[in-house]
Protein backbone atom coordinates (compact mmCIF):
# COMPACT_ATOMS: atom_id res chain seq x y z
CA MET A 1 -44.73 -54.31 6.83
CA GLY A 2 -44.31 -52.18 9.93
CA LEU A 3 -41.59 -50.05 11.38
CA LEU A 4 -38.56 -49.80 9.11
CA PRO A 5 -39.88 -52.20 6.44
CA GLY A 6 -37.20 -54.07 4.55
CA ASP A 7 -34.44 -53.67 7.12
CA GLY A 8 -34.31 -57.39 7.83
CA GLU A 9 -35.53 -57.02 11.40
CA SER A 10 -39.06 -57.84 12.56
CA LYS A 11 -41.10 -55.43 14.65
CA GLY A 12 -40.91 -57.83 17.57
CA GLU A 13 -37.14 -57.81 17.38
CA SER A 14 -37.13 -54.02 17.23
CA MET A 15 -39.28 -53.77 20.34
CA ALA A 16 -37.09 -56.26 22.17
CA ALA A 17 -33.93 -54.28 21.45
CA THR A 18 -32.58 -52.53 24.51
CA ARG A 19 -30.58 -49.38 24.69
CA ARG A 20 -26.88 -49.99 25.27
CA ALA A 21 -25.90 -48.70 28.68
CA ARG A 22 -23.84 -45.57 28.44
CA PRO A 23 -23.25 -42.88 31.06
CA PRO A 24 -24.84 -39.47 30.53
CA ALA A 25 -22.56 -37.07 28.68
CA HIS A 26 -22.47 -34.58 31.56
CA LEU A 27 -21.21 -37.25 33.98
CA VAL A 28 -18.44 -38.24 31.59
CA ALA A 29 -17.48 -34.59 31.32
CA LEU A 30 -17.39 -34.24 35.10
CA VAL A 31 -15.12 -37.27 35.51
CA LEU A 32 -12.76 -35.91 32.88
CA CYS A 33 -12.62 -32.58 34.64
CA ILE A 34 -11.93 -34.09 38.05
CA GLY A 35 -9.23 -36.39 36.69
CA ALA A 36 -7.42 -33.79 34.63
CA ALA A 37 -4.96 -31.83 36.74
CA THR A 38 -4.71 -29.08 34.18
CA CYS A 39 -8.45 -28.57 33.81
CA THR A 40 -9.48 -25.03 34.69
CA LEU A 41 -12.84 -24.15 36.24
CA PRO A 42 -14.16 -22.37 33.11
CA ALA A 43 -13.24 -25.37 30.96
CA CYS A 44 -15.06 -27.73 33.33
CA ALA A 45 -18.10 -25.46 33.37
CA SER A 46 -18.14 -25.47 29.58
CA LEU A 47 -18.13 -29.28 29.49
CA TRP A 48 -20.80 -29.53 32.17
CA ASN A 49 -23.13 -27.15 30.33
CA ARG A 50 -22.70 -28.84 26.96
CA PRO A 51 -26.22 -29.40 25.54
CA ASP A 52 -27.59 -32.92 25.40
CA PRO A 53 -27.22 -34.06 21.77
CA ALA A 54 -30.62 -35.80 21.99
CA ALA A 55 -32.43 -32.62 23.07
CA HIS A 56 -33.92 -31.86 19.67
CA TYR A 57 -36.34 -33.34 17.15
CA ARG A 58 -34.31 -36.34 16.07
CA LEU A 59 -36.38 -37.65 13.14
CA ALA A 60 -35.82 -34.77 10.73
CA ARG A 61 -34.27 -35.78 7.41
CA SER A 62 -34.64 -39.48 8.19
CA GLY A 63 -36.36 -40.10 4.87
CA SER A 64 -39.17 -42.64 4.87
CA HIS A 65 -38.20 -44.23 8.21
CA TRP A 66 -39.03 -43.13 11.72
CA ASP A 67 -37.11 -45.23 14.22
CA ILE A 68 -33.49 -44.99 13.06
CA VAL A 69 -31.76 -41.87 11.74
CA GLY A 70 -28.34 -42.86 10.48
CA ASN A 71 -26.64 -44.36 13.54
CA ASP A 72 -29.16 -42.79 15.89
CA HIS A 73 -31.45 -45.56 17.15
CA VAL A 74 -34.30 -43.32 18.26
CA LEU A 75 -36.88 -46.02 19.03
CA ASP A 76 -34.42 -48.12 21.03
CA ASP A 77 -33.71 -45.08 23.20
CA LEU A 78 -37.37 -44.29 23.78
CA LEU A 79 -38.80 -47.77 24.42
CA PRO A 80 -37.57 -47.97 28.04
CA ARG A 81 -39.03 -44.53 28.81
CA TYR A 82 -42.52 -45.22 27.41
CA PRO A 83 -42.98 -49.02 27.45
CA ALA A 84 -46.77 -49.02 27.94
CA TYR A 85 -47.31 -46.46 25.18
CA PHE A 86 -45.23 -48.36 22.64
CA ALA A 87 -46.70 -51.72 23.67
CA VAL A 88 -50.10 -50.46 22.46
CA LEU A 89 -48.84 -48.45 19.55
CA LEU A 90 -46.59 -50.98 17.87
CA GLU A 91 -48.91 -53.97 18.10
CA PRO A 92 -51.21 -53.94 15.04
CA SER A 93 -53.75 -56.27 16.66
CA ARG A 94 -54.47 -53.74 19.43
CA SER A 95 -57.07 -51.06 18.79
CA ASP A 96 -57.13 -49.48 22.25
CA GLU A 97 -56.00 -45.90 22.69
CA PRO A 98 -52.39 -45.44 23.86
CA ASP A 99 -52.17 -43.51 27.13
CA VAL A 100 -50.55 -40.17 26.34
CA ARG A 101 -50.77 -38.58 29.79
CA LYS A 102 -47.09 -39.19 30.60
CA LEU A 103 -46.11 -37.96 27.15
CA ARG A 104 -48.15 -34.80 27.65
CA ARG A 105 -46.62 -34.15 31.08
CA ASP A 106 -43.09 -34.69 29.74
CA LEU A 107 -43.61 -32.55 26.65
CA GLU A 108 -44.98 -29.65 28.70
CA TYR A 109 -42.44 -29.94 31.53
CA GLN A 110 -40.69 -26.69 32.40
CA PRO A 111 -37.89 -25.81 32.34
CA ALA A 112 -37.39 -27.91 29.25
CA ASP A 113 -34.85 -30.72 29.30
CA ARG A 114 -34.33 -33.99 27.47
CA ARG A 115 -37.65 -35.46 28.67
CA ASN A 116 -39.55 -32.87 26.58
CA TYR A 117 -37.74 -33.91 23.42
CA ASP A 118 -38.06 -37.61 24.20
CA ALA A 119 -41.82 -37.14 24.44
CA LEU A 120 -41.92 -35.23 21.14
CA ASN A 121 -39.97 -37.93 19.32
CA ALA A 122 -42.13 -40.69 20.81
CA ILE A 123 -45.26 -38.87 19.64
CA ALA A 124 -43.76 -38.47 16.16
CA ILE A 125 -42.93 -42.18 15.90
CA GLY A 126 -46.47 -43.01 16.95
CA TYR A 127 -48.00 -40.55 14.50
CA PHE A 128 -46.04 -41.84 11.52
CA GLU A 129 -46.57 -45.50 12.45
CA LEU A 130 -50.35 -45.03 12.73
CA ASN A 131 -50.48 -43.16 9.43
CA TYR A 132 -48.53 -45.90 7.70
CA ARG A 133 -50.81 -48.56 9.16
CA GLY A 134 -53.93 -46.58 8.26
CA GLU A 135 -52.88 -46.03 4.66
CA THR A 136 -52.01 -49.71 4.31
CA ALA A 137 -55.53 -50.55 5.52
CA ARG A 138 -57.04 -48.06 3.07
CA GLU A 139 -55.21 -49.61 0.13
CA THR A 140 -56.50 -53.07 1.04
CA GLY A 141 -60.09 -51.86 1.52
CA ASN A 142 -60.02 -52.32 5.29
CA MET A 143 -62.25 -49.72 6.98
CA ARG A 144 -59.97 -49.81 10.00
CA PHE A 145 -58.06 -46.94 8.41
CA LEU A 146 -60.75 -44.58 9.74
CA THR A 147 -60.13 -45.37 13.41
CA THR A 148 -56.39 -45.48 12.87
CA GLY A 149 -56.51 -42.01 11.34
CA MET A 150 -58.42 -40.71 14.35
CA ARG A 151 -55.82 -42.14 16.72
CA ALA A 152 -53.05 -40.42 14.74
CA ALA A 153 -54.92 -37.11 14.91
CA LYS A 154 -55.21 -37.43 18.71
CA LEU A 155 -51.45 -37.88 18.93
CA ALA A 156 -50.85 -34.77 16.81
CA ALA A 157 -53.04 -32.85 19.23
CA VAL A 158 -50.48 -33.40 22.02
CA PRO A 159 -47.72 -31.20 20.50
CA TRP A 160 -50.39 -28.76 19.29
CA ARG A 161 -51.57 -28.25 22.87
CA ALA A 162 -48.02 -28.13 24.22
CA TYR A 163 -47.12 -25.32 21.81
CA GLY A 164 -49.32 -22.95 23.76
CA ASN A 165 -48.22 -24.20 27.18
CA VAL A 166 -44.41 -24.03 26.88
CA SER A 167 -42.34 -20.88 26.78
CA GLU A 168 -38.93 -22.13 25.64
CA GLY A 169 -38.29 -21.03 22.07
CA ALA A 170 -36.07 -24.03 21.32
CA LEU A 171 -38.84 -26.46 22.28
CA ARG A 172 -41.41 -24.58 20.21
CA SER A 173 -39.03 -24.73 17.27
CA ALA A 174 -38.63 -28.50 17.78
CA ILE A 175 -42.42 -28.90 17.67
CA LEU A 176 -42.43 -27.00 14.40
CA ASP A 177 -39.67 -29.36 13.18
CA PHE A 178 -42.11 -32.23 13.72
CA PHE A 179 -44.90 -30.52 11.79
CA GLU A 180 -42.45 -29.65 9.02
CA ASP A 181 -41.46 -33.32 8.88
CA VAL A 182 -45.15 -34.18 8.43
CA SER A 183 -45.49 -31.57 5.68
CA THR A 184 -42.75 -33.12 3.54
CA GLY A 185 -44.75 -36.33 3.14
CA GLU A 186 -41.51 -38.33 3.10
CA LYS A 187 -42.44 -40.75 5.87
CA LEU A 188 -44.27 -43.85 4.69
CA GLY A 189 -48.02 -43.30 4.68
CA SER A 190 -47.84 -39.58 5.44
CA ALA A 191 -48.15 -38.07 1.95
CA ARG A 192 -51.90 -38.59 1.70
CA THR A 193 -52.67 -37.64 5.30
CA ARG A 194 -50.50 -34.55 5.77
CA SER A 195 -53.18 -32.13 4.53
CA ARG A 196 -55.34 -33.06 7.53
CA LEU A 197 -52.97 -31.09 9.74
CA SER A 198 -53.38 -27.85 7.79
CA PRO A 199 -55.94 -26.28 10.20
CA VAL A 200 -53.99 -27.60 13.20
CA VAL A 201 -50.77 -25.90 12.09
CA SER A 202 -52.56 -22.71 11.01
CA SER A 203 -54.02 -22.31 14.49
CA LEU A 204 -50.52 -22.28 16.00
CA ALA A 205 -50.16 -18.71 14.75
CA ARG A 206 -52.55 -17.56 17.50
CA LYS A 207 -50.12 -18.95 20.09
CA GLU A 208 -46.96 -17.37 18.66
CA HIS A 209 -45.48 -13.86 18.66
CA ASP A 210 -41.92 -14.54 17.52
CA PRO A 211 -41.64 -13.33 13.88
CA LYS A 212 -39.31 -16.12 12.77
CA ARG A 213 -41.52 -18.89 14.11
CA LEU A 214 -44.60 -17.10 12.75
CA ALA A 215 -43.00 -17.14 9.31
CA ARG A 216 -42.36 -20.87 9.65
CA ILE A 217 -45.97 -21.47 10.67
CA LYS A 218 -47.24 -19.48 7.68
CA ALA A 219 -45.00 -21.40 5.26
CA LEU A 220 -46.07 -24.70 6.81
CA SER A 221 -49.75 -23.80 6.60
CA GLU A 222 -49.45 -22.87 2.93
CA ARG A 223 -47.59 -26.07 2.13
CA LEU A 224 -50.16 -28.25 3.87
CA ALA A 225 -53.15 -26.35 2.44
CA ALA A 226 -51.76 -26.81 -1.07
CA ASP A 227 -52.11 -30.56 -0.59
CA GLN A 228 -55.73 -30.42 0.53
CA ALA A 229 -57.28 -30.41 -2.93
CA PRO A 230 -55.40 -33.36 -4.50
CA HIS A 231 -55.38 -35.59 -1.44
CA GLY A 232 -58.63 -34.70 0.34
């Protein structure tokens, strides 16, 4: 059982799915502005500057799954952007490390745009998939769960590093959204492993001065630390 177990679609079919071609929202807005005789300059500017709906952490409140959120096919959108990364990550027979250099560059790109959030969501999918696979191995007595857990931890280190290297508050908040998603333990395989990120999240406080985000980090740290004793 892999990504989205029980949805009637094999992992191979999921990886083969391609994103339906659709023009970027800002181009559609521009065409509408040009074609509308009554469109005023301020109205056109408002449409042009409309934020990209995918520029956020997309997996929040997706329950136990991590590739589809309602009608939002997150994995299908990200596969064409990071094909080599997902080719390694989503093939259980492969034990080599996925190359995260492009993900790191995209996540830390400034000024932030959609590529930063695409990288964050790709990392999250990888983290949750590896945790699910590792916990499945643990339950069957397969010692491979140890190496799988280490690979997941290396992925979590990418947003941890980025938190100190990006200045945009919205992107920092999105990274915290990911760690909050981990802390809920809702994703398959993440309940037992979430406490491992307690020291990682706690250390984010040294990189943050905004009081609201500091409060989120503190709450996250306490939630994750509370799980350390029962789950180990």
